[in-house]
């Protein structure tokens, strides 16, 4: 699906809000590239063989993965390729991305995934305790097991937005309709306005 101006669909939100699964879904549906922050962090961990749980360098993985993510996004913009960008972006990330988006003439849409903070925190902690997370994604020293710390550290992702925005409340996944979100995204791509949820 092509438009006169390329688009960027930014799937953002706090960890455990469901954004990664939807990002993969919508990129496949649109047949466009998907740039995800977490897999980049995993690659950095695997290559550098560092222990993010024990090391004081753990925050470097987050900063480095965002930097690489933004670099890849700019490479796609230089090529005029529409794509999906997914990550737990903060307002500081908007200050990096917005000038690129304007310079390369992209149309941005933010899908902001959010939920009740206690629900997000519970999901996050449950995920950390399973075998699911890559070692490079496990948060250091269990600090995020504290709800207040979790909210202070990650709550800024709730304030991220570039361009039009669709808010997706995933407090109860059973009430989330991918079909509805997909329709709003496709309407945006077709030149209309996204229906804010």
C-alpha atoms as a PDB file:
ATOM      1  CA  UNK A   1       0.000   0.000   0.000  1.00  0.00           C
ATOM      2  CA  UNK A   2       1.702   3.223  -1.227  1.00  0.00           C
ATOM      3  CA  UNK A   3       0.917   6.867  -0.581  1.00  0.00           C
ATOM      4  CA  UNK A   4       2.374  10.078  -1.991  1.00  0.00           C
ATOM      5  CA  UNK A   5       4.160  10.676   1.298  1.00  0.00           C
ATOM      6  CA  UNK A   6       5.697   7.750   3.195  1.00  0.00           C
ATOM      7  CA  UNK A   7       4.348   7.004   6.653  1.00  0.00           C
ATOM      8  CA  UNK A   8       5.746   5.862   9.953  1.00  0.00           C
ATOM      9  CA  UNK A   9       3.512   3.970  12.376  1.00  0.00           C
ATOM     10  CA  UNK A  10       5.026   4.326  15.850  1.00  0.00           C
ATOM     11  CA  UNK A  11       3.826   1.665  18.277  1.00  0.00           C
ATOM     12  CA  UNK A  12       4.736   2.995  21.703  1.00  0.00           C
ATOM     13  CA  UNK A  13       3.926   2.466  25.357  1.00  0.00           C
ATOM     14  CA  UNK A  14       5.072   1.059  28.679  1.00  0.00           C
ATOM     15  CA  UNK A  15       6.523  -2.478  28.719  1.00  0.00           C
ATOM     16  CA  UNK A  16       3.886  -5.224  29.090  1.00  0.00           C
ATOM     17  CA  UNK A  17       1.217  -3.135  27.354  1.00  0.00           C
ATOM     18  CA  UNK A  18       1.056  -5.422  24.313  1.00  0.00           C
ATOM     19  CA  UNK A  19       2.766  -3.106  21.849  1.00  0.00           C
ATOM     20  CA  UNK A  20       5.347  -5.603  20.559  1.00  0.00           C
ATOM     21  CA  UNK A  21       2.738  -8.171  19.510  1.00  0.00           C
ATOM     22  CA  UNK A  22       0.651  -5.538  17.768  1.00  0.00           C
ATOM     23  CA  UNK A  23       3.702  -4.003  16.110  1.00  0.00           C
ATOM     24  CA  UNK A  24       4.561  -7.374  14.578  1.00  0.00           C
ATOM     25  CA  UNK A  25       0.938  -7.842  13.535  1.00  0.00           C
ATOM     26  CA  UNK A  26       0.498  -4.492  11.799  1.00  0.00           C
ATOM     27  CA  UNK A  27       3.879  -4.602  10.040  1.00  0.00           C
ATOM     28  CA  UNK A  28       2.986  -7.998   8.586  1.00  0.00           C
ATOM     29  CA  UNK A  29      -0.484  -6.812   7.598  1.00  0.00           C
ATOM     30  CA  UNK A  30       0.923  -3.754   5.824  1.00  0.00           C
ATOM     31  CA  UNK A  31       3.927  -5.659   4.375  1.00  0.00           C
ATOM     32  CA  UNK A  32       6.360  -3.006   5.608  1.00  0.00           C
ATOM     33  CA  UNK A  33       9.590  -3.253   7.635  1.00  0.00           C
ATOM     34  CA  UNK A  34       9.366  -3.402  11.414  1.00  0.00           C
ATOM     35  CA  UNK A  35      12.063  -1.800  13.564  1.00  0.00           C
ATOM     36  CA  UNK A  36      11.864  -3.018  17.176  1.00  0.00           C
ATOM     37  CA  UNK A  37      14.018  -1.724  20.016  1.00  0.00           C
ATOM     38  CA  UNK A  38      14.123  -4.870  22.173  1.00  0.00           C
ATOM     39  CA  UNK A  39      15.616  -7.248  19.572  1.00  0.00           C
ATOM     40  CA  UNK A  40      18.383  -4.700  19.036  1.00  0.00           C
ATOM     41  CA  UNK A  41      19.072  -4.707  22.767  1.00  0.00           C
ATOM     42  CA  UNK A  42      19.196  -8.516  22.698  1.00  0.00           C
ATOM     43  CA  UNK A  43      21.741  -8.466  19.872  1.00  0.00           C
ATOM     44  CA  UNK A  44      23.927  -5.988  21.734  1.00  0.00           C
ATOM     45  CA  UNK A  45      23.813  -8.207  24.811  1.00  0.00           C
ATOM     46  CA  UNK A  46      24.690 -11.346  22.854  1.00  0.00           C
ATOM     47  CA  UNK A  47      27.592  -9.704  21.022  1.00  0.00           C
ATOM     48  CA  UNK A  48      29.072  -7.990  24.058  1.00  0.00           C
ATOM     49  CA  UNK A  49      28.519 -10.950  26.425  1.00  0.00           C
ATOM     50  CA  UNK A  50      27.813  -8.719  29.383  1.00  0.00           C
ATOM     51  CA  UNK A  51      25.588  -9.431  32.366  1.00  0.00           C
ATOM     52  CA  UNK A  52      22.940  -6.723  32.631  1.00  0.00           C
ATOM     53  CA  UNK A  53      21.801  -8.020  36.008  1.00  0.00           C
ATOM     54  CA  UNK A  54      25.174  -7.810  37.715  1.00  0.00           C
ATOM     55  CA  UNK A  55      26.824  -5.035  35.727  1.00  0.00           C
ATOM     56  CA  UNK A  56      26.720  -1.312  36.368  1.00  0.00           C
ATOM     57  CA  UNK A  57      26.698  -0.959  32.578  1.00  0.00           C
ATOM     58  CA  UNK A  58      23.122  -2.211  32.285  1.00  0.00           C
ATOM     59  CA  UNK A  59      21.649   1.234  31.424  1.00  0.00           C
ATOM     60  CA  UNK A  60      24.087   1.439  28.523  1.00  0.00           C
ATOM     61  CA  UNK A  61      22.208  -1.348  26.750  1.00  0.00           C
ATOM     62  CA  UNK A  62      19.011   0.680  26.822  1.00  0.00           C
ATOM     63  CA  UNK A  63      20.664   3.864  25.569  1.00  0.00           C
ATOM     64  CA  UNK A  64      22.648   2.027  22.897  1.00  0.00           C
ATOM     65  CA  UNK A  65      19.600   0.120  21.645  1.00  0.00           C
ATOM     66  CA  UNK A  66      17.590   3.334  21.290  1.00  0.00           C
ATOM     67  CA  UNK A  67      20.487   4.976  19.419  1.00  0.00           C
ATOM     68  CA  UNK A  68      20.738   2.058  16.974  1.00  0.00           C
ATOM     69  CA  UNK A  69      16.942   1.985  16.597  1.00  0.00           C
ATOM     70  CA  UNK A  70      16.893   5.668  15.632  1.00  0.00           C
ATOM     71  CA  UNK A  71      19.769   5.132  13.191  1.00  0.00           C
ATOM     72  CA  UNK A  72      17.912   2.320  11.416  1.00  0.00           C
ATOM     73  CA  UNK A  73      14.759   4.448  11.334  1.00  0.00           C
ATOM     74  CA  UNK A  74      16.671   7.278   9.675  1.00  0.00           C
ATOM     75  CA  UNK A  75      18.174   4.882   7.110  1.00  0.00           C
ATOM     76  CA  UNK A  76      14.656   3.805   6.136  1.00  0.00           C
ATOM     77  CA  UNK A  77      13.542   7.426   5.962  1.00  0.00           C
ATOM     78  CA  UNK A  78      16.426   8.290   3.655  1.00  0.00           C
ATOM     79  CA  UNK A  79      15.167   5.549   1.353  1.00  0.00           C
ATOM     80  CA  UNK A  80      11.581   6.840   1.551  1.00  0.00           C
ATOM     81  CA  UNK A  81      10.338   3.528   2.942  1.00  0.00           C
ATOM     82  CA  UNK A  82       7.164   3.395   5.004  1.00  0.00           C
ATOM     83  CA  UNK A  83       7.642   1.317   8.151  1.00  0.00           C
ATOM     84  CA  UNK A  84       6.554   0.456  11.685  1.00  0.00           C
ATOM     85  CA  UNK A  85       8.706   1.549  14.639  1.00  0.00           C
ATOM     86  CA  UNK A  86       8.109  -0.111  18.032  1.00  0.00           C
ATOM     87  CA  UNK A  87       9.531   0.606  21.476  1.00  0.00           C
ATOM     88  CA  UNK A  88       8.925   2.092  24.915  1.00  0.00           C
ATOM     89  CA  UNK A  89       9.692   5.605  23.702  1.00  0.00           C
ATOM     90  CA  UNK A  90       9.760   8.611  26.031  1.00  0.00           C
ATOM     91  CA  UNK A  91       9.143  12.284  25.222  1.00  0.00           C
ATOM     92  CA  UNK A  92      12.939  12.599  24.856  1.00  0.00           C
ATOM     93  CA  UNK A  93      12.716  10.131  21.961  1.00  0.00           C
ATOM     94  CA  UNK A  94      10.154  12.376  20.287  1.00  0.00           C
ATOM     95  CA  UNK A  95      12.751  15.151  20.271  1.00  0.00           C
ATOM     96  CA  UNK A  96      15.075  12.858  18.311  1.00  0.00           C
ATOM     97  CA  UNK A  97      12.487  11.413  15.930  1.00  0.00           C
ATOM     98  CA  UNK A  98      10.390  14.497  15.185  1.00  0.00           C
ATOM     99  CA  UNK A  99      13.111  16.437  13.297  1.00  0.00           C
ATOM    100  CA  UNK A 100      13.872  13.330  11.190  1.00  0.00           C
ATOM    101  CA  UNK A 101      10.212  12.804  10.384  1.00  0.00           C
ATOM    102  CA  UNK A 102       9.868  16.432   9.317  1.00  0.00           C
ATOM    103  CA  UNK A 103      13.134  16.495   7.352  1.00  0.00           C
ATOM    104  CA  UNK A 104      12.249  13.404   5.313  1.00  0.00           C
ATOM    105  CA  UNK A 105       8.594  14.339   4.794  1.00  0.00           C
ATOM    106  CA  UNK A 106       6.970  11.452   6.658  1.00  0.00           C
ATOM    107  CA  UNK A 107       3.412  11.251   7.940  1.00  0.00           C
ATOM    108  CA  UNK A 108       3.530   9.972  11.542  1.00  0.00           C
ATOM    109  CA  UNK A 109       0.895   8.075  13.491  1.00  0.00           C
ATOM    110  CA  UNK A 110       1.421   7.088  17.119  1.00  0.00           C
ATOM    111  CA  UNK A 111      -0.359   4.039  18.523  1.00  0.00           C
ATOM    112  CA  UNK A 112       0.082   4.490  22.264  1.00  0.00           C
ATOM    113  CA  UNK A 113      -0.533   1.273  24.166  1.00  0.00           C
ATOM    114  CA  UNK A 114      -1.377   1.830  27.827  1.00  0.00           C
ATOM    115  CA  UNK A 115      -3.197   0.230  30.740  1.00  0.00           C
ATOM    116  CA  UNK A 116      -3.820   0.573  34.436  1.00  0.00           C
ATOM    117  CA  UNK A 117      -0.365   0.932  36.022  1.00  0.00           C
ATOM    118  CA  UNK A 118      -0.909  -1.860  38.547  1.00  0.00           C
ATOM    119  CA  UNK A 119      -1.986  -4.193  35.740  1.00  0.00           C
ATOM    120  CA  UNK A 120       1.102  -3.287  33.701  1.00  0.00           C
ATOM    121  CA  UNK A 121       3.361  -3.796  36.686  1.00  0.00           C
ATOM    122  CA  UNK A 122       1.869  -7.196  37.501  1.00  0.00           C
ATOM    123  CA  UNK A 123       2.257  -8.357  33.897  1.00  0.00           C
ATOM    124  CA  UNK A 124       5.812  -7.078  33.784  1.00  0.00           C
ATOM    125  CA  UNK A 125       6.805  -8.879  36.994  1.00  0.00           C
ATOM    126  CA  UNK A 126       5.135 -12.115  35.878  1.00  0.00           C
ATOM    127  CA  UNK A 127       7.005 -11.957  32.586  1.00  0.00           C
ATOM    128  CA  UNK A 128      10.311 -11.352  34.354  1.00  0.00           C
ATOM    129  CA  UNK A 129       9.794 -14.488  36.443  1.00  0.00           C
ATOM    130  CA  UNK A 130       9.265 -16.770  33.440  1.00  0.00           C
ATOM    131  CA  UNK A 131      11.816 -18.162  31.005  1.00  0.00           C
ATOM    132  CA  UNK A 132      10.413 -15.868  28.310  1.00  0.00           C
ATOM    133  CA  UNK A 133      12.628 -12.763  28.627  1.00  0.00           C
ATOM    134  CA  UNK A 134      15.971 -12.699  26.890  1.00  0.00           C
ATOM    135  CA  UNK A 135      18.782 -12.192  29.416  1.00  0.00           C
ATOM    136  CA  UNK A 136      19.525  -8.829  27.846  1.00  0.00           C
ATOM    137  CA  UNK A 137      16.028  -7.611  28.700  1.00  0.00           C
ATOM    138  CA  UNK A 138      15.872  -8.633  32.367  1.00  0.00           C
ATOM    139  CA  UNK A 139      15.928  -5.517  34.503  1.00  0.00           C
ATOM    140  CA  UNK A 140      18.793  -5.107  36.913  1.00  0.00           C
ATOM    141  CA  UNK A 141      18.653  -6.226  40.544  1.00  0.00           C
ATOM    142  CA  UNK A 142      14.879  -6.605  40.696  1.00  0.00           C
ATOM    143  CA  UNK A 143      14.406  -2.849  41.156  1.00  0.00           C
ATOM    144  CA  UNK A 144      11.339  -2.900  38.936  1.00  0.00           C
ATOM    145  CA  UNK A 145       9.538  -5.210  41.352  1.00  0.00           C
ATOM    146  CA  UNK A 146       8.576  -2.033  43.243  1.00  0.00           C
ATOM    147  CA  UNK A 147       5.466  -0.450  41.718  1.00  0.00           C
ATOM    148  CA  UNK A 148       6.492   3.132  42.527  1.00  0.00           C
ATOM    149  CA  UNK A 149       9.922   2.633  40.984  1.00  0.00           C
ATOM    150  CA  UNK A 150       8.359   0.983  37.926  1.00  0.00           C
ATOM    151  CA  UNK A 151       6.025   3.945  37.436  1.00  0.00           C
ATOM    152  CA  UNK A 152       8.757   6.532  37.955  1.00  0.00           C
ATOM    153  CA  UNK A 153      11.189   4.789  35.620  1.00  0.00           C
ATOM    154  CA  UNK A 154       8.812   3.843  32.811  1.00  0.00           C
ATOM    155  CA  UNK A 155       5.759   6.070  33.219  1.00  0.00           C
ATOM    156  CA  UNK A 156       7.200   8.691  30.884  1.00  0.00           C
ATOM    157  CA  UNK A 157       6.352   6.406  27.974  1.00  0.00           C
ATOM    158  CA  UNK A 158       2.724   7.430  28.557  1.00  0.00           C
ATOM    159  CA  UNK A 159       3.572  10.948  27.391  1.00  0.00           C
ATOM    160  CA  UNK A 160       5.098  10.005  24.036  1.00  0.00           C
ATOM    161  CA  UNK A 161       3.325  11.170  20.900  1.00  0.00           C
ATOM    162  CA  UNK A 162       4.244  12.288  17.392  1.00  0.00           C
ATOM    163  CA  UNK A 163       1.596  13.244  14.846  1.00  0.00           C
ATOM    164  CA  UNK A 164      -1.882  11.823  15.150  1.00  0.00           C
ATOM    165  CA  UNK A 165      -2.407   9.475  18.085  1.00  0.00           C
ATOM    166  CA  UNK A 166      -4.565   6.461  18.806  1.00  0.00           C
ATOM    167  CA  UNK A 167      -4.724   5.426  22.462  1.00  0.00           C
ATOM    168  CA  UNK A 168      -5.123   1.679  22.984  1.00  0.00           C
ATOM    169  CA  UNK A 169      -6.182   0.654  26.499  1.00  0.00           C
ATOM    170  CA  UNK A 170      -5.000  -2.906  27.141  1.00  0.00           C
ATOM    171  CA  UNK A 171      -5.984  -3.156  30.808  1.00  0.00           C
ATOM    172  CA  UNK A 172      -8.153  -6.068  29.655  1.00  0.00           C
ATOM    173  CA  UNK A 173      -6.752  -7.716  26.523  1.00  0.00           C
ATOM    174  CA  UNK A 174     -10.075  -9.407  25.842  1.00  0.00           C
ATOM    175  CA  UNK A 175     -11.631  -6.021  25.027  1.00  0.00           C
ATOM    176  CA  UNK A 176      -8.924  -4.989  22.543  1.00  0.00           C
ATOM    177  CA  UNK A 177      -9.953  -5.293  18.896  1.00  0.00           C
ATOM    178  CA  UNK A 178      -7.073  -5.505  16.431  1.00  0.00           C
ATOM    179  CA  UNK A 179      -9.634  -5.124  13.651  1.00  0.00           C
ATOM    180  CA  UNK A 180     -10.674  -1.704  14.979  1.00  0.00           C
ATOM    181  CA  UNK A 181      -7.062  -0.552  15.341  1.00  0.00           C
ATOM    182  CA  UNK A 182      -6.204  -1.904  11.897  1.00  0.00           C
ATOM    183  CA  UNK A 183      -9.088   0.026  10.332  1.00  0.00           C
ATOM    184  CA  UNK A 184      -7.917   3.263  11.931  1.00  0.00           C
ATOM    185  CA  UNK A 185      -4.348   2.676  10.734  1.00  0.00           C
ATOM    186  CA  UNK A 186      -5.428   1.861   7.187  1.00  0.00           C
ATOM    187  CA  UNK A 187      -7.692   4.919   7.158  1.00  0.00           C
ATOM    188  CA  UNK A 188      -4.697   7.042   8.179  1.00  0.00           C
ATOM    189  CA  UNK A 189      -2.493   5.506   5.504  1.00  0.00           C
ATOM    190  CA  UNK A 190      -5.185   6.122   2.897  1.00  0.00           C
ATOM    191  CA  UNK A 191      -5.039   9.825   3.599  1.00  0.00           C
ATOM    192  CA  UNK A 192      -7.811  10.176   6.153  1.00  0.00           C
ATOM    193  CA  UNK A 193      -7.519  10.801   9.851  1.00  0.00           C
ATOM    194  CA  UNK A 194      -7.097   8.018  12.359  1.00  0.00           C
ATOM    195  CA  UNK A 195     -10.065   7.546  14.655  1.00  0.00           C
ATOM    196  CA  UNK A 196      -8.753   8.202  18.155  1.00  0.00           C
ATOM    197  CA  UNK A 197      -9.827   5.556  20.656  1.00  0.00           C
END
